[in-house]
């Protein structure tokens, strides 16, 4: 793959592989307790009544993880 130094170097169809992240139940509850204390992120019984049918990470949590992975991937591809 061509080296990417500028966003103009990106083309449709390019693919990048980011590192993987494991998110534990403790991670979900810790983040939720501080930033998004809704029952579906903290309480197993309440979470069972949701669309997910169980404990779910906050969208804010997943967005923060995705942003971090995007930055790591951009750095490794030398995107500026």
PDB file of N, CA and C in Angstrom:
ATOM      1  N   UNK A   1       0.839  -1.185   0.000  1.00  0.00           N
ATOM      2  CA  UNK A   1       0.000   0.000   0.000  1.00  0.00           C
ATOM      3  C   UNK A   1       0.883   1.248   0.000  1.00  0.00           C
ATOM      4  N   UNK A   2       0.449   2.252  -0.704  1.00  0.00           N
ATOM      5  CA  UNK A   2       1.189   3.511  -0.752  1.00  0.00           C
ATOM      6  C   UNK A   2       1.182   4.164   0.620  1.00  0.00           C
ATOM      7  N   UNK A   3       2.257   4.863   0.911  1.00  0.00           N
ATOM      8  CA  UNK A   3       2.333   5.568   2.185  1.00  0.00           C
ATOM      9  C   UNK A   3       1.366   6.737   2.172  1.00  0.00           C
ATOM     10  N   UNK A   4       0.666   6.910   3.254  1.00  0.00           N
ATOM     11  CA  UNK A   4      -0.295   7.998   3.390  1.00  0.00           C
ATOM     12  C   UNK A   4       0.316   9.058   4.289  1.00  0.00           C
ATOM     13  N   UNK A   5       0.561  10.223   3.749  1.00  0.00           N
ATOM     14  CA  UNK A   5       1.096  11.318   4.546  1.00  0.00           C
ATOM     15  C   UNK A   5       0.083  12.435   4.741  1.00  0.00           C
ATOM     16  N   UNK A   6      -0.844  12.563   3.828  1.00  0.00           N
ATOM     17  CA  UNK A   6      -1.846  13.624   3.877  1.00  0.00           C
ATOM     18  C   UNK A   6      -3.209  13.012   3.600  1.00  0.00           C
ATOM     19  N   UNK A   7      -4.255  13.653   4.063  1.00  0.00           N
ATOM     20  CA  UNK A   7      -5.588  13.130   3.797  1.00  0.00           C
ATOM     21  C   UNK A   7      -5.873  13.053   2.296  1.00  0.00           C
ATOM     22  N   UNK A   8      -5.236  13.916   1.512  1.00  0.00           N
ATOM     23  CA  UNK A   8      -5.405  13.864   0.054  1.00  0.00           C
ATOM     24  C   UNK A   8      -4.855  12.570  -0.545  1.00  0.00           C
ATOM     25  N   UNK A   9      -3.990  11.884   0.196  1.00  0.00           N
ATOM     26  CA  UNK A   9      -3.431  10.610  -0.270  1.00  0.00           C
ATOM     27  C   UNK A   9      -4.424   9.452  -0.138  1.00  0.00           C
ATOM     28  N   UNK A  10      -5.489   9.660   0.609  1.00  0.00           N
ATOM     29  CA  UNK A  10      -6.484   8.605   0.788  1.00  0.00           C
ATOM     30  C   UNK A  10      -7.324   8.448  -0.471  1.00  0.00           C
ATOM     31  N   UNK A  11      -7.638   7.215  -0.807  1.00  0.00           N
ATOM     32  CA  UNK A  11      -8.505   6.953  -1.956  1.00  0.00           C
ATOM     33  C   UNK A  11      -9.610   5.993  -1.539  1.00  0.00           C
ATOM     34  N   UNK A  12     -10.698   6.025  -2.262  1.00  0.00           N
ATOM     35  CA  UNK A  12     -11.829   5.143  -1.998  1.00  0.00           C
ATOM     36  C   UNK A  12     -11.353   3.693  -2.102  1.00  0.00           C
ATOM     37  N   UNK A  13     -11.724   2.901  -1.129  1.00  0.00           N
ATOM     38  CA  UNK A  13     -11.371   1.496  -1.138  1.00  0.00           C
ATOM     39  C   UNK A  13     -10.140   1.144  -0.321  1.00  0.00           C
ATOM     40  N   UNK A  14      -9.378   2.153   0.109  1.00  0.00           N
ATOM     41  CA  UNK A  14      -8.217   1.863   0.963  1.00  0.00           C
ATOM     42  C   UNK A  14      -8.715   1.261   2.265  1.00  0.00           C
ATOM     43  N   UNK A  15      -7.946   0.344   2.816  1.00  0.00           N
ATOM     44  CA  UNK A  15      -8.305  -0.294   4.078  1.00  0.00           C
ATOM     45  C   UNK A  15      -7.132  -0.177   5.037  1.00  0.00           C
ATOM     46  N   UNK A  16      -7.487  -0.067   6.309  1.00  0.00           N
ATOM     47  CA  UNK A  16      -6.493   0.024   7.370  1.00  0.00           C
ATOM     48  C   UNK A  16      -6.890  -0.936   8.477  1.00  0.00           C
ATOM     49  N   UNK A  17      -5.926  -1.549   9.110  1.00  0.00           N
ATOM     50  CA  UNK A  17      -6.166  -2.469  10.211  1.00  0.00           C
ATOM     51  C   UNK A  17      -5.745  -1.784  11.500  1.00  0.00           C
ATOM     52  N   UNK A  18      -6.677  -1.666  12.420  1.00  0.00           N
ATOM     53  CA  UNK A  18      -6.357  -1.063  13.713  1.00  0.00           C
ATOM     54  C   UNK A  18      -5.996  -2.156  14.707  1.00  0.00           C
ATOM     55  N   UNK A  19      -5.396  -1.757  15.818  1.00  0.00           N
ATOM     56  CA  UNK A  19      -5.202  -2.725  16.896  1.00  0.00           C
ATOM     57  C   UNK A  19      -6.577  -3.187  17.400  1.00  0.00           C
ATOM     58  N   UNK A  20      -6.590  -4.256  18.169  1.00  0.00           N
ATOM     59  CA  UNK A  20      -7.840  -4.738  18.760  1.00  0.00           C
ATOM     60  C   UNK A  20      -7.914  -4.297  20.211  1.00  0.00           C
ATOM     61  N   UNK A  21      -9.145  -4.131  20.700  1.00  0.00           N
ATOM     62  CA  UNK A  21      -9.372  -3.738  22.086  1.00  0.00           C
ATOM     63  C   UNK A  21     -10.381  -4.702  22.691  1.00  0.00           C
ATOM     64  N   UNK A  22     -10.082  -5.202  23.864  1.00  0.00           N
ATOM     65  CA  UNK A  22     -11.032  -6.025  24.611  1.00  0.00           C
ATOM     66  C   UNK A  22     -11.657  -5.133  25.675  1.00  0.00           C
ATOM     67  N   UNK A  23     -12.973  -5.079  25.678  1.00  0.00           N
ATOM     68  CA  UNK A  23     -13.699  -4.268  26.652  1.00  0.00           C
ATOM     69  C   UNK A  23     -14.372  -5.223  27.632  1.00  0.00           C
ATOM     70  N   UNK A  24     -13.998  -5.126  28.885  1.00  0.00           N
ATOM     71  CA  UNK A  24     -14.547  -6.011  29.904  1.00  0.00           C
ATOM     72  C   UNK A  24     -15.794  -5.405  30.552  1.00  0.00           C
ATOM     73  N   UNK A  25     -16.506  -6.237  31.273  1.00  0.00           N
ATOM     74  CA  UNK A  25     -17.663  -5.740  32.023  1.00  0.00           C
ATOM     75  C   UNK A  25     -17.229  -4.654  33.002  1.00  0.00           C
ATOM     76  N   UNK A  26     -16.097  -4.849  33.633  1.00  0.00           N
ATOM     77  CA  UNK A  26     -15.583  -3.834  34.564  1.00  0.00           C
ATOM     78  C   UNK A  26     -15.305  -2.519  33.843  1.00  0.00           C
ATOM     79  N   UNK A  27     -14.767  -2.588  32.629  1.00  0.00           N
ATOM     80  CA  UNK A  27     -14.530  -1.375  31.834  1.00  0.00           C
ATOM     81  C   UNK A  27     -15.845  -0.652  31.551  1.00  0.00           C
ATOM     82  N   UNK A  28     -16.857  -1.431  31.140  1.00  0.00           N
ATOM     83  CA  UNK A  28     -18.168  -0.860  30.811  1.00  0.00           C
ATOM     84  C   UNK A  28     -18.743  -0.136  32.024  1.00  0.00           C
ATOM     85  N   UNK A  29     -18.718  -0.801  33.159  1.00  0.00           N
ATOM     86  CA  UNK A  29     -19.310  -0.215  34.376  1.00  0.00           C
ATOM     87  C   UNK A  29     -18.514   0.973  34.895  1.00  0.00           C
ATOM     88  N   UNK A  30     -17.185   0.899  34.811  1.00  0.00           N
ATOM     89  CA  UNK A  30     -16.346   2.014  35.271  1.00  0.00           C
ATOM     90  C   UNK A  30     -16.608   3.268  34.452  1.00  0.00           C
ATOM     91  N   UNK A  31     -16.619   3.113  33.116  1.00  0.00           N
ATOM     92  CA  UNK A  31     -16.872   4.263  32.246  1.00  0.00           C
ATOM     93  C   UNK A  31     -18.276   4.818  32.497  1.00  0.00           C
ATOM     94  N   UNK A  32     -19.256   3.920  32.538  1.00  0.00           N
ATOM     95  CA  UNK A  32     -20.643   4.350  32.723  1.00  0.00           C
ATOM     96  C   UNK A  32     -20.848   5.059  34.053  1.00  0.00           C
ATOM     97  N   UNK A  33     -20.245   4.540  35.101  1.00  0.00           N
ATOM     98  CA  UNK A  33     -20.412   5.162  36.419  1.00  0.00           C
ATOM     99  C   UNK A  33     -19.934   6.610  36.417  1.00  0.00           C
ATOM    100  N   UNK A  34     -18.895   6.880  35.658  1.00  0.00           N
ATOM    101  CA  UNK A  34     -18.353   8.238  35.635  1.00  0.00           C
ATOM    102  C   UNK A  34     -18.996   9.140  34.588  1.00  0.00           C
ATOM    103  N   UNK A  35     -19.304   8.594  33.405  1.00  0.00           N
ATOM    104  CA  UNK A  35     -19.707   9.454  32.292  1.00  0.00           C
ATOM    105  C   UNK A  35     -21.115   9.236  31.740  1.00  0.00           C
ATOM    106  N   UNK A  36     -21.711   8.071  31.937  1.00  0.00           N
ATOM    107  CA  UNK A  36     -23.012   7.769  31.315  1.00  0.00           C
ATOM    108  C   UNK A  36     -23.781   6.772  32.187  1.00  0.00           C
ATOM    109  N   UNK A  37     -24.192   7.203  33.386  1.00  0.00           N
ATOM    110  CA  UNK A  37     -24.765   6.284  34.370  1.00  0.00           C
ATOM    111  C   UNK A  37     -26.216   5.879  34.101  1.00  0.00           C
ATOM    112  N   UNK A  38     -26.443   5.284  32.941  1.00  0.00           N
ATOM    113  CA  UNK A  38     -27.781   4.777  32.628  1.00  0.00           C
ATOM    114  C   UNK A  38     -27.851   3.299  33.021  1.00  0.00           C
ATOM    115  N   UNK A  39     -29.056   2.830  33.395  1.00  0.00           N
ATOM    116  CA  UNK A  39     -29.205   1.454  33.885  1.00  0.00           C
ATOM    117  C   UNK A  39     -28.693   0.381  32.930  1.00  0.00           C
ATOM    118  N   UNK A  40     -28.827   0.558  31.629  1.00  0.00           N
ATOM    119  CA  UNK A  40     -28.397  -0.483  30.688  1.00  0.00           C
ATOM    120  C   UNK A  40     -26.884  -0.643  30.625  1.00  0.00           C
ATOM    121  N   UNK A  41     -26.167   0.296  31.243  1.00  0.00           N
ATOM    122  CA  UNK A  41     -24.711   0.224  31.290  1.00  0.00           C
ATOM    123  C   UNK A  41     -24.206  -0.256  32.652  1.00  0.00           C
ATOM    124  N   UNK A  42     -25.097  -0.245  33.645  1.00  0.00           N
ATOM    125  CA  UNK A  42     -24.667  -0.532  35.015  1.00  0.00           C
ATOM    126  C   UNK A  42     -25.378  -1.701  35.689  1.00  0.00           C
ATOM    127  N   UNK A  43     -26.607  -1.993  35.281  1.00  0.00           N
ATOM    128  CA  UNK A  43     -27.451  -2.952  35.995  1.00  0.00           C
ATOM    129  C   UNK A  43     -27.885  -4.087  35.070  1.00  0.00           C
ATOM    130  N   UNK A  44     -27.462  -5.302  35.392  1.00  0.00           N
ATOM    131  CA  UNK A  44     -27.784  -6.458  34.543  1.00  0.00           C
ATOM    132  C   UNK A  44     -29.284  -6.658  34.376  1.00  0.00           C
ATOM    133  N   UNK A  45     -30.037  -6.528  35.450  1.00  0.00           N
ATOM    134  CA  UNK A  45     -31.486  -6.759  35.373  1.00  0.00           C
ATOM    135  C   UNK A  45     -32.165  -5.705  34.505  1.00  0.00           C
ATOM    136  N   UNK A  46     -31.806  -4.459  34.688  1.00  0.00           N
ATOM    137  CA  UNK A  46     -32.382  -3.385  33.870  1.00  0.00           C
ATOM    138  C   UNK A  46     -31.965  -3.564  32.415  1.00  0.00           C
ATOM    139  N   UNK A  47     -30.751  -4.000  32.194  1.00  0.00           N
ATOM    140  CA  UNK A  47     -30.230  -4.170  30.834  1.00  0.00           C
ATOM    141  C   UNK A  47     -30.965  -5.275  30.073  1.00  0.00           C
ATOM    142  N   UNK A  48     -31.492  -6.262  30.795  1.00  0.00           N
ATOM    143  CA  UNK A  48     -32.220  -7.361  30.147  1.00  0.00           C
ATOM    144  C   UNK A  48     -33.481  -6.880  29.437  1.00  0.00           C
ATOM    145  N   UNK A  49     -34.011  -5.749  29.840  1.00  0.00           N
ATOM    146  CA  UNK A  49     -35.254  -5.223  29.246  1.00  0.00           C
ATOM    147  C   UNK A  49     -34.996  -4.332  28.036  1.00  0.00           C
ATOM    148  N   UNK A  50     -33.754  -4.182  27.644  1.00  0.00           N
ATOM    149  CA  UNK A  50     -33.416  -3.305  26.525  1.00  0.00           C
ATOM    150  C   UNK A  50     -33.301  -4.086  25.223  1.00  0.00           C
ATOM    151  N   UNK A  51     -33.129  -3.376  24.140  1.00  0.00           N
ATOM    152  CA  UNK A  51     -32.922  -3.955  22.820  1.00  0.00           C
ATOM    153  C   UNK A  51     -31.748  -4.938  22.814  1.00  0.00           C
ATOM    154  N   UNK A  52     -30.722  -4.661  23.621  1.00  0.00           N
ATOM    155  CA  UNK A  52     -29.517  -5.493  23.651  1.00  0.00           C
ATOM    156  C   UNK A  52     -29.685  -6.753  24.491  1.00  0.00           C
ATOM    157  N   UNK A  53     -30.709  -6.785  25.332  1.00  0.00           N
ATOM    158  CA  UNK A  53     -31.004  -7.944  26.200  1.00  0.00           C
ATOM    159  C   UNK A  53     -29.874  -8.258  27.170  1.00  0.00           C
ATOM    160  N   UNK A  54     -29.074  -7.274  27.482  1.00  0.00           N
ATOM    161  CA  UNK A  54     -27.984  -7.457  28.438  1.00  0.00           C
ATOM    162  C   UNK A  54     -27.156  -6.192  28.536  1.00  0.00           C
ATOM    163  N   UNK A  55     -26.202  -6.230  29.431  1.00  0.00           N
ATOM    164  CA  UNK A  55     -25.331  -5.083  29.665  1.00  0.00           C
ATOM    165  C   UNK A  55     -24.698  -4.616  28.349  1.00  0.00           C
ATOM    166  N   UNK A  56     -24.697  -3.336  28.110  1.00  0.00           N
ATOM    167  CA  UNK A  56     -24.146  -2.778  26.871  1.00  0.00           C
ATOM    168  C   UNK A  56     -23.245  -1.589  27.197  1.00  0.00           C
ATOM    169  N   UNK A  57     -22.165  -1.490  26.479  1.00  0.00           N
ATOM    170  CA  UNK A  57     -21.270  -0.341  26.645  1.00  0.00           C
ATOM    171  C   UNK A  57     -21.960   0.920  26.148  1.00  0.00           C
ATOM    172  N   UNK A  58     -21.646   2.022  26.769  1.00  0.00           N
ATOM    173  CA  UNK A  58     -22.155   3.325  26.349  1.00  0.00           C
ATOM    174  C   UNK A  58     -21.666   3.655  24.942  1.00  0.00           C
ATOM    175  N   UNK A  59     -22.511   4.297  24.179  1.00  0.00           N
ATOM    176  CA  UNK A  59     -22.086   4.766  22.860  1.00  0.00           C
ATOM    177  C   UNK A  59     -20.917   5.742  22.967  1.00  0.00           C
ATOM    178  N   UNK A  60     -20.908   6.525  24.046  1.00  0.00           N
ATOM    179  CA  UNK A  60     -19.791   7.453  24.264  1.00  0.00           C
ATOM    180  C   UNK A  60     -18.499   6.676  24.491  1.00  0.00           C
ATOM    181  N   UNK A  61     -18.606   5.558  25.187  1.00  0.00           N
ATOM    182  CA  UNK A  61     -17.445   4.713  25.450  1.00  0.00           C
ATOM    183  C   UNK A  61     -16.914   4.129  24.140  1.00  0.00           C
ATOM    184  N   UNK A  62     -17.799   3.571  23.337  1.00  0.00           N
ATOM    185  CA  UNK A  62     -17.370   2.966  22.076  1.00  0.00           C
ATOM    186  C   UNK A  62     -16.832   4.024  21.108  1.00  0.00           C
ATOM    187  N   UNK A  63     -17.426   5.214  21.123  1.00  0.00           N
ATOM    188  CA  UNK A  63     -16.927   6.292  20.261  1.00  0.00           C
ATOM    189  C   UNK A  63     -15.518   6.717  20.683  1.00  0.00           C
ATOM    190  N   UNK A  64     -15.282   6.790  21.986  1.00  0.00           N
ATOM    191  CA  UNK A  64     -13.951   7.162  22.474  1.00  0.00           C
ATOM    192  C   UNK A  64     -12.918   6.106  22.088  1.00  0.00           C
ATOM    193  N   UNK A  65     -13.295   4.831  22.201  1.00  0.00           N
ATOM    194  CA  UNK A  65     -12.388   3.749  21.807  1.00  0.00           C
ATOM    195  C   UNK A  65     -12.106   3.831  20.305  1.00  0.00           C
ATOM    196  N   UNK A  66     -13.154   4.040  19.515  1.00  0.00           N
ATOM    197  CA  UNK A  66     -12.986   4.134  18.059  1.00  0.00           C
ATOM    198  C   UNK A  66     -12.076   5.300  17.680  1.00  0.00           C
ATOM    199  N   UNK A  67     -12.228   6.421  18.362  1.00  0.00           N
ATOM    200  CA  UNK A  67     -11.383   7.583  18.072  1.00  0.00           C
ATOM    201  C   UNK A  67      -9.928   7.268  18.393  1.00  0.00           C
ATOM    202  N   UNK A  68      -9.695   6.625  19.533  1.00  0.00           N
ATOM    203  CA  UNK A  68      -8.347   6.252  19.911  1.00  0.00           C
ATOM    204  C   UNK A  68      -7.726   5.307  18.880  1.00  0.00           C
ATOM    205  N   UNK A  69      -8.489   4.327  18.423  1.00  0.00           N
ATOM    206  CA  UNK A  69      -7.984   3.388  17.418  1.00  0.00           C
ATOM    207  C   UNK A  69      -7.709   4.091  16.090  1.00  0.00           C
ATOM    208  N   UNK A  70      -8.572   5.035  15.728  1.00  0.00           N
ATOM    209  CA  UNK A  70      -8.354   5.780  14.483  1.00  0.00           C
ATOM    210  C   UNK A  70      -7.052   6.573  14.550  1.00  0.00           C
ATOM    211  N   UNK A  71      -6.778   7.193  15.678  1.00  0.00           N
ATOM    212  CA  UNK A  71      -5.535   7.969  15.843  1.00  0.00           C
ATOM    213  C   UNK A  71      -4.328   7.039  15.802  1.00  0.00           C
ATOM    214  N   UNK A  72      -4.406   5.894  16.507  1.00  0.00           N
ATOM    215  CA  UNK A  72      -3.291   4.941  16.475  1.00  0.00           C
ATOM    216  C   UNK A  72      -3.025   4.455  15.047  1.00  0.00           C
ATOM    217  N   UNK A  73      -4.102   4.163  14.327  1.00  0.00           N
ATOM    218  CA  UNK A  73      -3.973   3.661  12.958  1.00  0.00           C
ATOM    219  C   UNK A  73      -3.415   4.743  12.041  1.00  0.00           C
ATOM    220  N   UNK A  74      -3.889   5.971  12.222  1.00  0.00           N
ATOM    221  CA  UNK A  74      -3.387   7.081  11.407  1.00  0.00           C
ATOM    222  C   UNK A  74      -1.902   7.298  11.653  1.00  0.00           C
ATOM    223  N   UNK A  75      -1.492   7.202  12.896  1.00  0.00           N
ATOM    224  CA  UNK A  75      -0.071   7.381  13.203  1.00  0.00           C
ATOM    225  C   UNK A  75       0.771   6.296  12.552  1.00  0.00           C
ATOM    226  N   UNK A  76       0.266   5.063  12.593  1.00  0.00           N
ATOM    227  CA  UNK A  76       1.045   3.977  12.005  1.00  0.00           C
ATOM    228  C   UNK A  76       1.088   4.077  10.482  1.00  0.00           C
ATOM    229  N   UNK A  77       0.077   4.707   9.870  1.00  0.00           N
ATOM    230  CA  UNK A  77       0.069   4.916   8.422  1.00  0.00           C
ATOM    231  C   UNK A  77       0.692   6.251   8.052  1.00  0.00           C
ATOM    232  N   UNK A  78       1.104   6.991   9.056  1.00  0.00           N
ATOM    233  CA  UNK A  78       1.706   8.312   8.897  1.00  0.00           C
ATOM    234  C   UNK A  78       0.753   9.313   8.259  1.00  0.00           C
ATOM    235  N   UNK A  79      -0.528   9.211   8.585  1.00  0.00           N
ATOM    236  CA  UNK A  79      -1.501  10.204   8.126  1.00  0.00           C
ATOM    237  C   UNK A  79      -1.333  11.436   8.994  1.00  0.00           C
ATOM    238  N   UNK A  80      -1.255  12.598   8.350  1.00  0.00           N
ATOM    239  CA  UNK A  80      -1.128  13.846   9.118  1.00  0.00           C
ATOM    240  C   UNK A  80      -2.364  14.678   8.950  1.00  0.00           C
TER     241      UNK A  80
END
